[in-house]
């Protein structure tokens, strides 16, 4: 009898398996970029063909991207242990489990079908809750403001799929002055490569928004705190990577340039 969890998700929502599979595959390695046993458990528990997700160096790059955001969340919590982290487009990420310090308040935000699936594997608690909403709306802002500040918004693997991404970013920046926002952006060239790759492996979701220079987003009410890329991680984190990544990532950057810009912003005070 098949007792695996059925998956019914929209095309964009299915891309959560890209990062889930990447984290699961890293966890199986002797020296992973990050360790996430929950990812492996969930991947095994779902009734869904995940073979096309998270493979090769693409999956490894996604794992580095996730580790960069984890490191920024941990730095935020070191300074504000009881602050609030909002994971926008949370998918099936177990970031809370990886960074929980016993004090942080946490909101996992995603579309209704994803949250329904997520509830099969995660539960709310007194410090953590799931909210079904779109980042393009603002009705979820009140729930965040009811939590103690300061605020950190982790938005990984979400905005490139949204043509209205700048609108979403500006809305968060205006509603939460002084908050930190960490998210990934991709150049027009990388967007074209994603379209080609998606067609090749049969992924229906395509990136709809590109950004050649993350600093151009400062016009949305932000200021850059730290700039990184999946093949150019922050120096403090780079020293902790497995040796193969410390040598191969700079080589990859010389060939491809920055594959995935990951930028930590602060919204300007109101």
C-alpha atoms as a PDB file:
ATOM      1  CA  UNK A   1       0.000   0.000   0.000  1.00  0.00           C
ATOM      2  CA  UNK A   2       1.356   3.398  -0.999  1.00  0.00           C
ATOM      3  CA  UNK A   3       1.247   5.607   2.089  1.00  0.00           C
ATOM      4  CA  UNK A   4       3.377   8.395   0.643  1.00  0.00           C
ATOM      5  CA  UNK A   5       2.135  11.981   0.742  1.00  0.00           C
ATOM      6  CA  UNK A   6       0.404  13.095  -2.449  1.00  0.00           C
ATOM      7  CA  UNK A   7       1.649  16.332  -4.011  1.00  0.00           C
ATOM      8  CA  UNK A   8      -0.711  18.726  -5.772  1.00  0.00           C
ATOM      9  CA  UNK A   9       1.101  21.969  -6.496  1.00  0.00           C
ATOM     10  CA  UNK A  10       1.149  24.656  -9.165  1.00  0.00           C
ATOM     11  CA  UNK A  11       4.058  24.833 -11.591  1.00  0.00           C
ATOM     12  CA  UNK A  12       5.985  27.489  -9.689  1.00  0.00           C
ATOM     13  CA  UNK A  13       5.275  25.867  -6.331  1.00  0.00           C
ATOM     14  CA  UNK A  14       6.752  22.589  -7.600  1.00  0.00           C
ATOM     15  CA  UNK A  15      10.132  24.298  -7.845  1.00  0.00           C
ATOM     16  CA  UNK A  16      10.429  23.888  -4.077  1.00  0.00           C
ATOM     17  CA  UNK A  17      11.761  20.431  -4.949  1.00  0.00           C
ATOM     18  CA  UNK A  18      14.848  22.016  -6.542  1.00  0.00           C
ATOM     19  CA  UNK A  19      16.166  23.203  -3.196  1.00  0.00           C
ATOM     20  CA  UNK A  20      14.675  20.305  -1.224  1.00  0.00           C
ATOM     21  CA  UNK A  21      16.463  17.752  -3.413  1.00  0.00           C
ATOM     22  CA  UNK A  22      19.674  19.792  -3.298  1.00  0.00           C
ATOM     23  CA  UNK A  23      19.660  19.834   0.498  1.00  0.00           C
ATOM     24  CA  UNK A  24      18.855  16.121   0.655  1.00  0.00           C
ATOM     25  CA  UNK A  25      21.714  15.245  -1.688  1.00  0.00           C
ATOM     26  CA  UNK A  26      24.151  17.420   0.269  1.00  0.00           C
ATOM     27  CA  UNK A  27      23.113  15.741   3.512  1.00  0.00           C
ATOM     28  CA  UNK A  28      24.093  12.347   2.090  1.00  0.00           C
ATOM     29  CA  UNK A  29      27.673  13.540   1.456  1.00  0.00           C
ATOM     30  CA  UNK A  30      30.540  13.024   3.884  1.00  0.00           C
ATOM     31  CA  UNK A  31      31.384  16.745   3.834  1.00  0.00           C
ATOM     32  CA  UNK A  32      28.233  18.657   2.815  1.00  0.00           C
ATOM     33  CA  UNK A  33      27.782  22.378   2.315  1.00  0.00           C
ATOM     34  CA  UNK A  34      24.940  22.120   4.811  1.00  0.00           C
ATOM     35  CA  UNK A  35      23.247  19.264   6.603  1.00  0.00           C
ATOM     36  CA  UNK A  36      19.454  18.950   6.514  1.00  0.00           C
ATOM     37  CA  UNK A  37      18.164  15.506   7.539  1.00  0.00           C
ATOM     38  CA  UNK A  38      14.565  16.711   7.295  1.00  0.00           C
ATOM     39  CA  UNK A  39      15.015  17.319   3.561  1.00  0.00           C
ATOM     40  CA  UNK A  40      16.031  13.717   3.005  1.00  0.00           C
ATOM     41  CA  UNK A  41      13.107  12.453   5.092  1.00  0.00           C
ATOM     42  CA  UNK A  42      10.574  14.591   3.240  1.00  0.00           C
ATOM     43  CA  UNK A  43      11.958  13.711  -0.180  1.00  0.00           C
ATOM     44  CA  UNK A  44      11.522  10.033   0.657  1.00  0.00           C
ATOM     45  CA  UNK A  45       8.013  10.581   2.009  1.00  0.00           C
ATOM     46  CA  UNK A  46       6.407  12.364  -0.969  1.00  0.00           C
ATOM     47  CA  UNK A  47       4.709  10.690  -3.915  1.00  0.00           C
ATOM     48  CA  UNK A  48       6.327  12.879  -6.561  1.00  0.00           C
ATOM     49  CA  UNK A  49       8.950  12.369  -9.253  1.00  0.00           C
ATOM     50  CA  UNK A  50      11.871  14.490  -8.037  1.00  0.00           C
ATOM     51  CA  UNK A  51      14.544  12.990 -10.314  1.00  0.00           C
ATOM     52  CA  UNK A  52      14.870  16.147 -12.419  1.00  0.00           C
ATOM     53  CA  UNK A  53      15.437  18.428  -9.441  1.00  0.00           C
ATOM     54  CA  UNK A  54      18.615  19.335  -7.570  1.00  0.00           C
ATOM     55  CA  UNK A  55      21.072  17.382  -9.711  1.00  0.00           C
ATOM     56  CA  UNK A  56      24.695  18.107 -10.533  1.00  0.00           C
ATOM     57  CA  UNK A  57      26.424  21.400  -9.822  1.00  0.00           C
ATOM     58  CA  UNK A  58      23.135  23.239 -10.132  1.00  0.00           C
ATOM     59  CA  UNK A  59      21.928  21.511  -6.980  1.00  0.00           C
ATOM     60  CA  UNK A  60      25.212  22.201  -5.199  1.00  0.00           C
ATOM     61  CA  UNK A  61      24.973  25.887  -6.103  1.00  0.00           C
ATOM     62  CA  UNK A  62      21.458  26.000  -4.649  1.00  0.00           C
ATOM     63  CA  UNK A  63      22.777  24.442  -1.434  1.00  0.00           C
ATOM     64  CA  UNK A  64      25.467  27.125  -1.186  1.00  0.00           C
ATOM     65  CA  UNK A  65      22.811  29.792  -1.718  1.00  0.00           C
ATOM     66  CA  UNK A  66      20.746  28.315   1.114  1.00  0.00           C
ATOM     67  CA  UNK A  67      23.790  28.146   3.391  1.00  0.00           C
ATOM     68  CA  UNK A  68      24.521  31.836   2.745  1.00  0.00           C
ATOM     69  CA  UNK A  69      21.009  32.834   3.809  1.00  0.00           C
ATOM     70  CA  UNK A  70      21.264  30.535   6.846  1.00  0.00           C
ATOM     71  CA  UNK A  71      24.478  32.302   7.881  1.00  0.00           C
ATOM     72  CA  UNK A  72      22.836  35.724   7.632  1.00  0.00           C
ATOM     73  CA  UNK A  73      19.857  34.558   9.688  1.00  0.00           C
ATOM     74  CA  UNK A  74      22.209  33.186  12.336  1.00  0.00           C
ATOM     75  CA  UNK A  75      24.117  36.483  12.442  1.00  0.00           C
ATOM     76  CA  UNK A  76      20.820  38.353  12.855  1.00  0.00           C
ATOM     77  CA  UNK A  77      19.781  36.062  15.722  1.00  0.00           C
ATOM     78  CA  UNK A  78      23.169  36.462  17.409  1.00  0.00           C
ATOM     79  CA  UNK A  79      22.392  40.170  17.674  1.00  0.00           C
ATOM     80  CA  UNK A  80      18.602  39.907  18.135  1.00  0.00           C
ATOM     81  CA  UNK A  81      17.898  36.471  19.656  1.00  0.00           C
ATOM     82  CA  UNK A  82      14.176  37.093  20.188  1.00  0.00           C
ATOM     83  CA  UNK A  83      13.550  38.888  16.897  1.00  0.00           C
ATOM     84  CA  UNK A  84      11.271  37.647  14.132  1.00  0.00           C
ATOM     85  CA  UNK A  85      12.270  35.839  10.956  1.00  0.00           C
ATOM     86  CA  UNK A  86       9.801  35.632   8.073  1.00  0.00           C
ATOM     87  CA  UNK A  87      10.590  32.992   5.484  1.00  0.00           C
ATOM     88  CA  UNK A  88       8.780  34.053   2.319  1.00  0.00           C
ATOM     89  CA  UNK A  89       8.180  31.202  -0.105  1.00  0.00           C
ATOM     90  CA  UNK A  90       9.149  28.719   2.592  1.00  0.00           C
ATOM     91  CA  UNK A  91       8.316  25.625   0.531  1.00  0.00           C
ATOM     92  CA  UNK A  92       9.461  22.586   2.503  1.00  0.00           C
ATOM     93  CA  UNK A  93      12.498  24.284   3.968  1.00  0.00           C
ATOM     94  CA  UNK A  94      13.518  23.344   7.502  1.00  0.00           C
ATOM     95  CA  UNK A  95      15.517  26.522   8.061  1.00  0.00           C
ATOM     96  CA  UNK A  96      13.875  27.080  11.446  1.00  0.00           C
ATOM     97  CA  UNK A  97      15.140  23.668  12.602  1.00  0.00           C
ATOM     98  CA  UNK A  98      18.651  24.483  11.376  1.00  0.00           C
ATOM     99  CA  UNK A  99      18.993  27.880  13.068  1.00  0.00           C
ATOM    100  CA  UNK A 100      16.539  27.861  16.009  1.00  0.00           C
ATOM    101  CA  UNK A 101      18.098  29.415  19.106  1.00  0.00           C
ATOM    102  CA  UNK A 102      15.181  28.725  21.439  1.00  0.00           C
ATOM    103  CA  UNK A 103      13.991  32.357  21.389  1.00  0.00           C
ATOM    104  CA  UNK A 104      13.355  33.412  17.788  1.00  0.00           C
ATOM    105  CA  UNK A 105       9.823  34.064  16.549  1.00  0.00           C
ATOM    106  CA  UNK A 106       9.195  32.635  13.091  1.00  0.00           C
ATOM    107  CA  UNK A 107       6.653  32.857  10.289  1.00  0.00           C
ATOM    108  CA  UNK A 108       6.643  30.459   7.330  1.00  0.00           C
ATOM    109  CA  UNK A 109       4.800  32.124   4.434  1.00  0.00           C
ATOM    110  CA  UNK A 110       3.752  30.497   1.170  1.00  0.00           C
ATOM    111  CA  UNK A 111       0.786  29.943  -1.133  1.00  0.00           C
ATOM    112  CA  UNK A 112      -2.144  27.901   0.131  1.00  0.00           C
ATOM    113  CA  UNK A 113      -1.335  24.669  -1.722  1.00  0.00           C
ATOM    114  CA  UNK A 114       2.246  24.711  -0.472  1.00  0.00           C
ATOM    115  CA  UNK A 115       1.229  25.425   3.112  1.00  0.00           C
ATOM    116  CA  UNK A 116      -1.269  22.554   2.936  1.00  0.00           C
ATOM    117  CA  UNK A 117       1.563  20.235   1.891  1.00  0.00           C
ATOM    118  CA  UNK A 118       3.927  21.740   4.444  1.00  0.00           C
ATOM    119  CA  UNK A 119       1.494  20.959   7.262  1.00  0.00           C
ATOM    120  CA  UNK A 120       2.011  17.273   6.508  1.00  0.00           C
ATOM    121  CA  UNK A 121       5.569  17.634   7.801  1.00  0.00           C
ATOM    122  CA  UNK A 122       5.690  20.675  10.102  1.00  0.00           C
ATOM    123  CA  UNK A 123       3.499  21.995  12.913  1.00  0.00           C
ATOM    124  CA  UNK A 124       2.877  25.400  14.434  1.00  0.00           C
ATOM    125  CA  UNK A 125       4.181  26.186  17.900  1.00  0.00           C
ATOM    126  CA  UNK A 126       4.187  29.094  20.316  1.00  0.00           C
ATOM    127  CA  UNK A 127       7.120  30.675  18.449  1.00  0.00           C
ATOM    128  CA  UNK A 128       6.472  29.436  14.929  1.00  0.00           C
ATOM    129  CA  UNK A 129       3.453  29.566  12.644  1.00  0.00           C
ATOM    130  CA  UNK A 130       2.575  28.982   9.014  1.00  0.00           C
ATOM    131  CA  UNK A 131       0.588  31.511   6.982  1.00  0.00           C
ATOM    132  CA  UNK A 132      -0.974  30.908   3.575  1.00  0.00           C
ATOM    133  CA  UNK A 133      -0.559  34.104   1.554  1.00  0.00           C
ATOM    134  CA  UNK A 134       1.150  35.592  -1.474  1.00  0.00           C
ATOM    135  CA  UNK A 135       4.166  37.851  -1.142  1.00  0.00           C
ATOM    136  CA  UNK A 136       2.395  40.105  -3.649  1.00  0.00           C
ATOM    137  CA  UNK A 137      -0.336  40.833  -1.100  1.00  0.00           C
ATOM    138  CA  UNK A 138      -0.074  42.766   2.148  1.00  0.00           C
ATOM    139  CA  UNK A 139      -2.758  41.153   4.300  1.00  0.00           C
ATOM    140  CA  UNK A 140      -0.101  39.068   6.086  1.00  0.00           C
ATOM    141  CA  UNK A 141       1.829  42.134   7.265  1.00  0.00           C
ATOM    142  CA  UNK A 142      -0.333  42.452  10.369  1.00  0.00           C
ATOM    143  CA  UNK A 143       0.617  38.968  11.571  1.00  0.00           C
ATOM    144  CA  UNK A 144       4.296  39.856  11.279  1.00  0.00           C
ATOM    145  CA  UNK A 145       3.859  43.181  13.050  1.00  0.00           C
ATOM    146  CA  UNK A 146       2.166  41.325  15.908  1.00  0.00           C
ATOM    147  CA  UNK A 147       5.491  39.552  16.498  1.00  0.00           C
ATOM    148  CA  UNK A 148       8.410  41.262  18.244  1.00  0.00           C
ATOM    149  CA  UNK A 149      10.917  43.138  16.136  1.00  0.00           C
ATOM    150  CA  UNK A 150      13.370  43.575  14.636  1.00  0.00           C
ATOM    151  CA  UNK A 151      12.507  41.641  11.490  1.00  0.00           C
ATOM    152  CA  UNK A 152      14.435  39.550   9.001  1.00  0.00           C
ATOM    153  CA  UNK A 153      12.842  38.484   5.691  1.00  0.00           C
ATOM    154  CA  UNK A 154      14.432  35.465   4.005  1.00  0.00           C
ATOM    155  CA  UNK A 155      13.169  35.277   0.417  1.00  0.00           C
ATOM    156  CA  UNK A 156      14.974  32.483  -1.402  1.00  0.00           C
ATOM    157  CA  UNK A 157      14.119  31.170  -4.859  1.00  0.00           C
ATOM    158  CA  UNK A 158      10.903  33.191  -5.088  1.00  0.00           C
ATOM    159  CA  UNK A 159      11.220  36.619  -6.670  1.00  0.00           C
ATOM    160  CA  UNK A 160      12.634  35.584 -10.073  1.00  0.00           C
ATOM    161  CA  UNK A 161       9.314  33.846 -10.807  1.00  0.00           C
ATOM    162  CA  UNK A 162       7.359  37.061 -10.191  1.00  0.00           C
ATOM    163  CA  UNK A 163       7.056  39.776 -12.805  1.00  0.00           C
ATOM    164  CA  UNK A 164       5.850  42.082 -10.019  1.00  0.00           C
ATOM    165  CA  UNK A 165       8.824  41.304  -7.770  1.00  0.00           C
ATOM    166  CA  UNK A 166       9.901  44.972  -7.403  1.00  0.00           C
ATOM    167  CA  UNK A 167       6.404  45.809  -6.175  1.00  0.00           C
ATOM    168  CA  UNK A 168       6.610  43.088  -3.525  1.00  0.00           C
ATOM    169  CA  UNK A 169      10.053  44.226  -2.390  1.00  0.00           C
ATOM    170  CA  UNK A 170       8.981  47.877  -2.146  1.00  0.00           C
ATOM    171  CA  UNK A 171       5.886  46.897  -0.157  1.00  0.00           C
ATOM    172  CA  UNK A 172       7.890  45.016   2.463  1.00  0.00           C
ATOM    173  CA  UNK A 173      10.508  47.772   2.666  1.00  0.00           C
ATOM    174  CA  UNK A 174       7.830  50.427   3.261  1.00  0.00           C
ATOM    175  CA  UNK A 175       5.894  48.406   5.848  1.00  0.00           C
ATOM    176  CA  UNK A 176       8.961  47.312   7.843  1.00  0.00           C
ATOM    177  CA  UNK A 177      11.489  50.171   8.045  1.00  0.00           C
ATOM    178  CA  UNK A 178      14.874  49.053   9.331  1.00  0.00           C
ATOM    179  CA  UNK A 179      14.196  45.372   8.568  1.00  0.00           C
ATOM    180  CA  UNK A 180      16.719  43.082   6.900  1.00  0.00           C
ATOM    181  CA  UNK A 181      15.811  41.389   3.607  1.00  0.00           C
ATOM    182  CA  UNK A 182      17.885  38.644   2.017  1.00  0.00           C
ATOM    183  CA  UNK A 183      16.995  37.464  -1.478  1.00  0.00           C
ATOM    184  CA  UNK A 184      18.500  36.145  -4.690  1.00  0.00           C
ATOM    185  CA  UNK A 185      18.451  37.843  -8.088  1.00  0.00           C
ATOM    186  CA  UNK A 186      19.550  36.778 -11.565  1.00  0.00           C
ATOM    187  CA  UNK A 187      20.792  38.647 -14.602  1.00  0.00           C
ATOM    188  CA  UNK A 188      19.002  38.651 -17.934  1.00  0.00           C
ATOM    189  CA  UNK A 189      21.653  36.230 -19.226  1.00  0.00           C
ATOM    190  CA  UNK A 190      21.049  33.776 -16.389  1.00  0.00           C
ATOM    191  CA  UNK A 191      17.296  34.112 -16.913  1.00  0.00           C
ATOM    192  CA  UNK A 192      17.718  33.043 -20.514  1.00  0.00           C
ATOM    193  CA  UNK A 193      19.818  30.082 -19.392  1.00  0.00           C
ATOM    194  CA  UNK A 194      17.088  29.105 -16.913  1.00  0.00           C
ATOM    195  CA  UNK A 195      14.514  29.112 -19.701  1.00  0.00           C
ATOM    196  CA  UNK A 196      16.714  26.824 -21.784  1.00  0.00           C
ATOM    197  CA  UNK A 197      17.433  24.507 -18.853  1.00  0.00           C
ATOM    198  CA  UNK A 198      13.779  24.346 -17.846  1.00  0.00           C
ATOM    199  CA  UNK A 199      12.752  23.348 -21.356  1.00  0.00           C
ATOM    200  CA  UNK A 200      15.441  20.668 -21.446  1.00  0.00           C
ATOM    201  CA  UNK A 201      14.445  18.937 -18.192  1.00  0.00           C
ATOM    202  CA  UNK A 202      10.696  19.565 -18.407  1.00  0.00           C
ATOM    203  CA  UNK A 203      10.186  22.242 -15.751  1.00  0.00           C
ATOM    204  CA  UNK A 204       7.179  24.425 -16.633  1.00  0.00           C
ATOM    205  CA  UNK A 205       7.944  27.356 -14.300  1.00  0.00           C
ATOM    206  CA  UNK A 206      10.013  30.103 -15.896  1.00  0.00           C
ATOM    207  CA  UNK A 207      11.695  33.136 -14.375  1.00  0.00           C
ATOM    208  CA  UNK A 208       9.780  36.308 -15.199  1.00  0.00           C
ATOM    209  CA  UNK A 209      11.958  38.946 -13.532  1.00  0.00           C
ATOM    210  CA  UNK A 210      15.664  39.622 -13.900  1.00  0.00           C
ATOM    211  CA  UNK A 211      18.009  42.065 -12.218  1.00  0.00           C
ATOM    212  CA  UNK A 212      21.478  42.710 -13.599  1.00  0.00           C
ATOM    213  CA  UNK A 213      22.599  44.861 -10.659  1.00  0.00           C
ATOM    214  CA  UNK A 214      21.131  44.305  -7.163  1.00  0.00           C
ATOM    215  CA  UNK A 215      22.229  47.796  -6.148  1.00  0.00           C
ATOM    216  CA  UNK A 216      19.683  49.193  -8.577  1.00  0.00           C
ATOM    217  CA  UNK A 217      17.033  47.953  -6.130  1.00  0.00           C
ATOM    218  CA  UNK A 218      18.089  50.575  -3.602  1.00  0.00           C
ATOM    219  CA  UNK A 219      15.572  52.817  -5.377  1.00  0.00           C
ATOM    220  CA  UNK A 220      12.848  50.635  -3.792  1.00  0.00           C
ATOM    221  CA  UNK A 221      13.708  51.882  -0.305  1.00  0.00           C
ATOM    222  CA  UNK A 222      16.633  49.582   0.447  1.00  0.00           C
ATOM    223  CA  UNK A 223      20.338  49.828   1.124  1.00  0.00           C
ATOM    224  CA  UNK A 224      22.860  47.044   0.536  1.00  0.00           C
ATOM    225  CA  UNK A 225      24.344  45.573   3.703  1.00  0.00           C
ATOM    226  CA  UNK A 226      26.290  42.702   2.127  1.00  0.00           C
ATOM    227  CA  UNK A 227      26.561  41.394  -1.419  1.00  0.00           C
ATOM    228  CA  UNK A 228      27.418  37.795  -2.267  1.00  0.00           C
ATOM    229  CA  UNK A 229      26.793  35.165  -4.915  1.00  0.00           C
ATOM    230  CA  UNK A 230      26.391  31.412  -4.916  1.00  0.00           C
ATOM    231  CA  UNK A 231      29.900  31.118  -6.338  1.00  0.00           C
ATOM    232  CA  UNK A 232      31.148  34.081  -4.259  1.00  0.00           C
ATOM    233  CA  UNK A 233      30.016  33.402  -0.678  1.00  0.00           C
ATOM    234  CA  UNK A 234      30.839  35.785   2.180  1.00  0.00           C
ATOM    235  CA  UNK A 235      34.433  35.466   3.395  1.00  0.00           C
ATOM    236  CA  UNK A 236      33.422  34.305   6.879  1.00  0.00           C
ATOM    237  CA  UNK A 237      31.391  31.472   5.399  1.00  0.00           C
ATOM    238  CA  UNK A 238      33.860  30.573   2.653  1.00  0.00           C
ATOM    239  CA  UNK A 239      36.401  29.349   5.200  1.00  0.00           C
ATOM    240  CA  UNK A 240      33.828  26.848   6.520  1.00  0.00           C
ATOM    241  CA  UNK A 241      32.979  25.303   3.141  1.00  0.00           C
ATOM    242  CA  UNK A 242      34.242  21.850   2.150  1.00  0.00           C
ATOM    243  CA  UNK A 243      37.628  22.167   0.504  1.00  0.00           C
ATOM    244  CA  UNK A 244      36.298  21.185  -2.936  1.00  0.00           C
ATOM    245  CA  UNK A 245      33.969  24.196  -2.896  1.00  0.00           C
ATOM    246  CA  UNK A 246      36.674  26.577  -1.720  1.00  0.00           C
ATOM    247  CA  UNK A 247      38.702  25.750  -4.814  1.00  0.00           C
ATOM    248  CA  UNK A 248      36.005  25.105  -7.413  1.00  0.00           C
ATOM    249  CA  UNK A 249      33.687  28.065  -6.775  1.00  0.00           C
ATOM    250  CA  UNK A 250      36.286  30.733  -7.678  1.00  0.00           C
ATOM    251  CA  UNK A 251      37.147  28.755 -10.810  1.00  0.00           C
ATOM    252  CA  UNK A 252      33.469  28.601 -11.764  1.00  0.00           C
ATOM    253  CA  UNK A 253      33.106  32.339 -11.232  1.00  0.00           C
ATOM    254  CA  UNK A 254      35.962  33.083 -13.628  1.00  0.00           C
ATOM    255  CA  UNK A 255      34.082  31.154 -16.311  1.00  0.00           C
ATOM    256  CA  UNK A 256      30.477  32.161 -15.650  1.00  0.00           C
ATOM    257  CA  UNK A 257      30.600  35.341 -13.585  1.00  0.00           C
ATOM    258  CA  UNK A 258      28.227  35.567 -10.633  1.00  0.00           C
ATOM    259  CA  UNK A 259      25.717  32.765 -11.112  1.00  0.00           C
ATOM    260  CA  UNK A 260      23.263  33.863  -8.470  1.00  0.00           C
ATOM    261  CA  UNK A 261      23.500  37.213  -6.697  1.00  0.00           C
ATOM    262  CA  UNK A 262      22.413  36.946  -3.076  1.00  0.00           C
ATOM    263  CA  UNK A 263      22.115  40.276  -1.357  1.00  0.00           C
ATOM    264  CA  UNK A 264      21.400  41.298   2.219  1.00  0.00           C
ATOM    265  CA  UNK A 265      19.499  44.595   2.268  1.00  0.00           C
ATOM    266  CA  UNK A 266      18.205  46.838   5.003  1.00  0.00           C
ATOM    267  CA  UNK A 267      15.015  48.806   4.420  1.00  0.00           C
ATOM    268  CA  UNK A 268      15.446  52.492   5.033  1.00  0.00           C
ATOM    269  CA  UNK A 269      13.981  53.994   8.204  1.00  0.00           C
ATOM    270  CA  UNK A 270      10.574  55.563   7.710  1.00  0.00           C
END
